[in-house]
Protein backbone atom coordinates (compact mmCIF):
# COMPACT_ATOMS: atom_id res chain seq x y z
CA MET A 1 0.00 0.00 0.00
CA SER A 2 1.39 3.40 -1.02
CA ALA A 3 1.67 6.32 1.41
CA ASN A 4 -1.15 8.09 -0.48
CA GLN A 5 -3.43 5.04 -0.19
CA SER A 6 -2.59 4.72 3.51
CA LEU A 7 -3.48 8.38 4.05
CA HIS A 8 -6.82 7.87 2.28
CA THR A 9 -7.53 4.81 4.43
CA ASP A 10 -6.80 6.72 7.64
CA ILE A 11 -9.03 9.60 6.54
CA ASP A 12 -11.82 7.16 5.63
CA ILE A 13 -11.61 5.41 9.01
CA ASP A 14 -11.65 8.74 10.87
CA PHE A 15 -14.54 9.93 8.74
CA LEU A 16 -16.63 6.79 9.31
CA HIS A 17 -15.86 6.84 13.05
CA ASP A 18 -16.93 10.49 13.25
CA ILE A 19 -20.21 10.04 11.42
CA SER A 20 -21.03 6.81 13.28
CA SER A 21 -20.44 8.50 16.65
CA ARG A 22 -22.62 11.46 15.78
CA MET A 23 -25.41 9.31 14.35
CA ALA A 24 -25.36 7.24 17.56
CA ALA A 25 -26.20 10.38 19.55
CA ALA A 26 -29.85 9.92 18.51
CA ASP A 27 -30.28 13.52 17.38
CA PRO A 28 -33.62 14.75 16.02
CA LEU A 29 -34.22 14.00 12.34
CA HIS A 30 -33.53 17.55 11.10
CA GLU A 31 -30.14 17.48 12.86
CA VAL A 32 -29.30 14.10 11.34
CA LEU A 33 -30.14 15.43 7.87
CA ALA A 34 -28.03 18.55 8.44
CA GLN A 35 -25.12 16.29 9.41
CA ILE A 36 -25.55 14.28 6.20
CA VAL A 37 -25.26 17.50 4.17
CA GLU A 38 -22.21 18.54 6.19
CA PHE A 39 -20.42 15.20 5.76
CA ALA A 40 -21.26 14.79 2.06
CA SER A 41 -20.22 18.37 1.24
CA ALA A 42 -16.92 17.97 3.06
CA LEU A 43 -16.22 14.60 1.47
CA VAL A 44 -16.85 15.56 -2.16
CA LYS A 45 -16.21 19.33 -1.92
CA CYS A 46 -19.43 19.94 -3.86
CA ASP A 47 -21.19 23.19 -4.71
CA SER A 48 -24.63 21.86 -3.77
CA CYS A 49 -26.03 19.06 -1.64
CA PHE A 50 -29.65 17.96 -1.18
CA VAL A 51 -31.18 15.29 1.03
CA TYR A 52 -34.60 13.92 0.13
CA VAL A 53 -36.61 11.71 2.50
CA ILE A 54 -39.29 9.28 1.29
CA GLU A 55 -42.63 10.05 2.89
CA GLU A 56 -45.90 8.47 1.75
CA GLU A 57 -44.40 7.28 -1.55
CA GLU A 58 -42.94 10.72 -2.35
CA LEU A 59 -39.47 12.21 -2.06
CA VAL A 60 -39.55 15.39 0.03
CA LEU A 61 -36.64 17.85 0.05
CA ARG A 62 -35.68 18.03 3.75
CA ALA A 63 -32.12 19.42 3.82
CA SER A 64 -29.89 21.55 1.60
CA LYS A 65 -26.37 22.95 1.67
CA ASN A 66 -27.56 26.19 0.05
CA PRO A 67 -30.47 28.17 1.53
CA HIS A 68 -33.78 27.24 -0.10
CA ALA A 69 -36.32 28.28 2.52
CA GLU A 70 -39.02 28.68 -0.13
CA VAL A 71 -38.87 25.03 -1.27
CA LEU A 72 -37.43 23.18 1.73
CA ASP A 73 -40.03 20.73 3.11
CA ARG A 74 -42.29 21.67 0.18
CA LEU A 75 -40.58 20.40 -2.97
CA LYS A 76 -41.67 16.84 -3.77
CA LEU A 77 -40.81 14.20 -6.34
CA LYS A 78 -42.60 11.00 -7.21
CA ILE A 79 -40.68 7.74 -6.93
CA GLY A 80 -39.20 7.17 -10.39
CA GLN A 81 -39.32 10.86 -11.34
CA GLY A 82 -36.03 12.40 -12.43
CA ILE A 83 -32.60 11.04 -11.58
CA THR A 84 -33.41 11.33 -7.87
CA GLY A 85 -36.63 9.35 -8.26
CA TRP A 86 -34.85 6.76 -10.42
CA VAL A 87 -32.22 6.25 -7.70
CA ALA A 88 -34.95 5.83 -5.07
CA GLU A 89 -36.79 3.33 -7.24
CA HIS A 90 -33.79 1.24 -8.30
CA ARG A 91 -31.72 1.71 -5.09
CA GLU A 92 -28.56 2.29 -7.13
CA PRO A 93 -26.28 5.36 -7.36
CA VAL A 94 -26.07 7.50 -10.50
CA ALA A 95 -23.02 9.61 -11.33
CA VAL A 96 -23.01 12.06 -14.27
CA SER A 97 -19.75 13.94 -14.82
CA ASN A 98 -21.04 16.65 -17.19
CA ASN A 99 -24.23 17.99 -18.82
CA ALA A 100 -26.29 16.38 -16.04
CA TYR A 101 -29.36 18.41 -17.01
CA GLN A 102 -29.34 16.69 -20.43
CA ASP A 103 -29.74 13.23 -18.89
CA VAL A 104 -33.06 11.74 -20.07
CA ARG A 105 -33.98 11.01 -16.43
CA PHE A 106 -33.39 14.57 -15.26
CA LYS A 107 -36.30 16.56 -13.83
CA LEU A 108 -35.93 20.34 -14.06
CA PHE A 109 -37.26 22.57 -11.30
CA ASN A 110 -37.14 26.26 -12.08
CA GLU A 111 -37.14 26.90 -8.34
CA LEU A 112 -33.68 25.36 -7.96
CA PRO A 113 -30.66 27.11 -9.55
CA GLU A 114 -28.66 23.90 -9.01
CA ASP A 115 -30.62 22.26 -11.82
CA ARG A 116 -28.19 23.87 -14.28
CA TYR A 117 -25.12 22.41 -12.60
CA GLU A 118 -22.87 20.26 -14.76
CA ALA A 119 -22.08 17.25 -12.57
CA PHE A 120 -24.52 15.25 -10.48
CA LEU A 121 -24.13 12.34 -8.04
CA SER A 122 -27.25 10.75 -6.58
CA VAL A 123 -27.02 7.98 -3.97
CA PRO A 124 -29.81 6.08 -2.16
CA ILE A 125 -30.22 6.11 1.60
CA LEU A 126 -31.08 2.53 2.53
CA SER A 127 -32.49 0.74 5.56
CA ARG A 128 -32.64 -3.08 5.39
CA GLY A 129 -32.51 -2.92 1.61
CA ARG A 130 -35.38 -0.44 1.44
CA ALA A 131 -34.88 3.10 0.12
CA VAL A 132 -35.79 5.75 2.71
CA GLY A 133 -34.18 8.75 1.01
CA VAL A 134 -31.63 10.06 -1.49
CA ILE A 135 -28.45 12.14 -1.19
CA ASN A 136 -27.60 14.41 -4.14
CA VAL A 137 -24.33 16.30 -4.63
CA GLN A 138 -23.68 18.64 -7.56
CA HIS A 139 -20.88 20.66 -9.14
CA ARG A 140 -21.08 23.81 -11.26
CA GLN A 141 -18.21 22.57 -13.42
CA PRO A 142 -17.74 19.10 -14.93
CA HIS A 143 -16.55 16.70 -12.26
CA THR A 144 -15.68 13.02 -12.40
CA TYR A 145 -16.83 11.28 -9.22
CA THR A 146 -14.25 8.75 -8.12
CA ARG A 147 -15.13 5.25 -7.03
CA ARG A 148 -14.00 6.19 -3.51
CA GLN A 149 -16.33 9.22 -3.40
CA ILE A 150 -19.30 7.18 -4.59
CA ARG A 151 -18.56 4.42 -2.08
CA MET A 152 -18.14 6.88 0.79
CA ILE A 153 -21.38 8.74 0.04
CA SER A 154 -23.09 5.35 -0.25
CA THR A 155 -21.67 4.43 3.14
CA ILE A 156 -23.26 7.55 4.61
CA GLY A 157 -26.55 6.32 3.16
CA PHE A 158 -26.11 2.93 4.83
CA LEU A 159 -25.17 4.46 8.18
CA VAL A 160 -28.04 6.93 8.44
CA GLY A 161 -30.74 4.86 6.76
CA ALA A 162 -31.90 3.15 9.95
CA GLU A 163 -31.79 6.47 11.84
CA ILE A 164 -34.06 8.13 9.26
CA GLU A 165 -36.43 5.14 9.26
CA VAL A 166 -36.71 5.22 13.06
CA ALA A 167 -37.35 8.97 13.04
CA ARG A 168 -39.98 8.54 10.31
CA LEU A 169 -41.75 5.79 12.28
CA GLU A 170 -41.64 7.86 15.47
CA SER A 171 -43.20 10.77 13.58
CA ALA A 172 -45.91 8.50 12.15
CA ASN A 173 -46.63 7.05 15.61
CA SER A 174 -46.82 10.55 17.08
CA GLN A 175 -49.34 11.57 14.42
CA LEU A 176 -51.39 8.42 15.09
CA ILE A 177 -51.44 9.14 18.83
CA GLN A 178 -52.56 12.71 18.16
CA GLN A 179 -55.33 11.43 15.86
CA LEU A 180 -56.54 9.00 18.54
CA GLU A 181 -56.49 11.73 21.20
CA THR A 182 -58.46 14.06 18.91
CA ARG A 183 -61.01 11.30 18.21
CA LYS A 184 -61.51 10.64 21.93
CA LEU A 185 -61.88 14.38 22.55
CA LEU A 186 -64.49 14.66 19.80
CA GLU A 187 -66.43 11.70 21.20
CA ARG A 188 -66.47 13.30 24.63
CA ALA A 189 -67.57 16.69 23.23
CA LYS A 190 -70.33 15.04 21.18
CA GLY A 191 -71.57 13.27 24.29
CA ILE A 192 -71.76 16.55 26.21
CA LEU A 193 -73.72 18.23 23.41
CA GLN A 194 -76.07 15.25 23.04
CA ARG A 195 -76.89 15.40 26.74
CA ASP A 196 -77.20 19.18 27.06
CA LEU A 197 -79.00 19.90 23.77
CA LYS A 198 -81.02 16.66 23.61
CA ILE A 199 -79.74 15.87 20.10
CA ASP A 200 -78.39 12.72 18.47
CA GLU A 201 -74.73 11.94 17.67
CA GLU A 202 -74.87 13.14 14.06
CA GLN A 203 -76.44 16.45 15.05
CA ALA A 204 -73.80 16.91 17.75
CA TYR A 205 -71.02 16.36 15.22
CA LEU A 206 -72.62 18.81 12.76
CA ALA A 207 -72.86 21.38 15.57
CA LEU A 208 -69.13 21.01 16.24
CA GLN A 209 -68.37 21.36 12.54
CA ARG A 210 -70.53 24.48 12.30
CA GLN A 211 -68.73 26.10 15.22
CA SER A 212 -65.40 25.14 13.68
CA ARG A 213 -66.27 26.97 10.45
CA GLN A 214 -67.77 29.99 12.19
CA LYS A 215 -64.94 30.42 14.69
CA ARG A 216 -62.27 29.45 12.15
CA ARG A 217 -60.85 26.97 14.62
CA SER A 218 -60.05 23.29 14.21
CA LEU A 219 -62.53 20.65 15.32
CA LYS A 220 -60.07 19.69 18.04
CA GLU A 221 -60.01 23.24 19.43
CA ILE A 222 -63.83 23.43 19.45
CA ALA A 223 -64.07 20.05 21.17
CA GLU A 224 -61.50 21.16 23.76
CA ALA A 225 -63.60 24.28 24.47
CA VAL A 226 -66.75 22.16 24.98
CA VAL A 227 -64.95 19.76 27.32
CA LEU A 228 -63.29 22.62 29.23
CA GLY A 229 -66.67 24.29 29.69
CA GLU A 230 -68.05 21.06 31.11
CA GLU A 231 -65.14 20.72 33.53
CA ILE A 232 -65.52 24.33 34.71
CA ARG A 233 -69.23 23.80 35.28
CA ARG A 234 -68.63 20.65 37.26
CA GLY A 235 -65.99 22.41 39.33
CA SER A 236 -68.31 25.29 40.19
CA GLN A 237 -71.12 22.89 41.11
CA ALA A 238 -68.78 20.95 43.38
CA ASN A 239 -67.94 24.15 45.25
């Protein structure tokens, strides 16, 4: 092994140790994604870096090296759409050294200046063989991505894939819990209205909906107000 190869190996080991340690810290998802951008940008010295996360069969832009507040968390791609969607669908990296925007798989977004960059590397983020996201790095000038760079970015994808999947499942579970809590709250509010107004369940629900539209508040907020009013009344009666 040459001195240059040995240096590369040492750097790779340090790099992988660093990213593994930071991923093990169980940071929130947005911090994990920011770290992916940081590591990928440092590794390839790119001009642009995006991280997409698969949510409900769509790729959502969740992190970017360059500021894109107007599209971050809003820009979406279908699986199979563009180079990014192709990588998510086939779970294989794509490297284009020049004229990336002329690739037949490319999807142009006028909102992103990076879409006119010359070189493009797209790598899947995997968890147990399943794609959970995509890492994209781009260069303004033609750039040949080395086998080492592709392998290292792919390694990032392997390392953080499980972390992203866990965070996604935790988010889904949190949403489910909130939905169940809202449903229980609505049932309780409907019961109060049925008793007080001598109406049936459907009429009680329609009354809640009507108040929601008139007050411009969510059904949950209206139900909370009904339940709170009941609790206050019971408290005053007890005193």
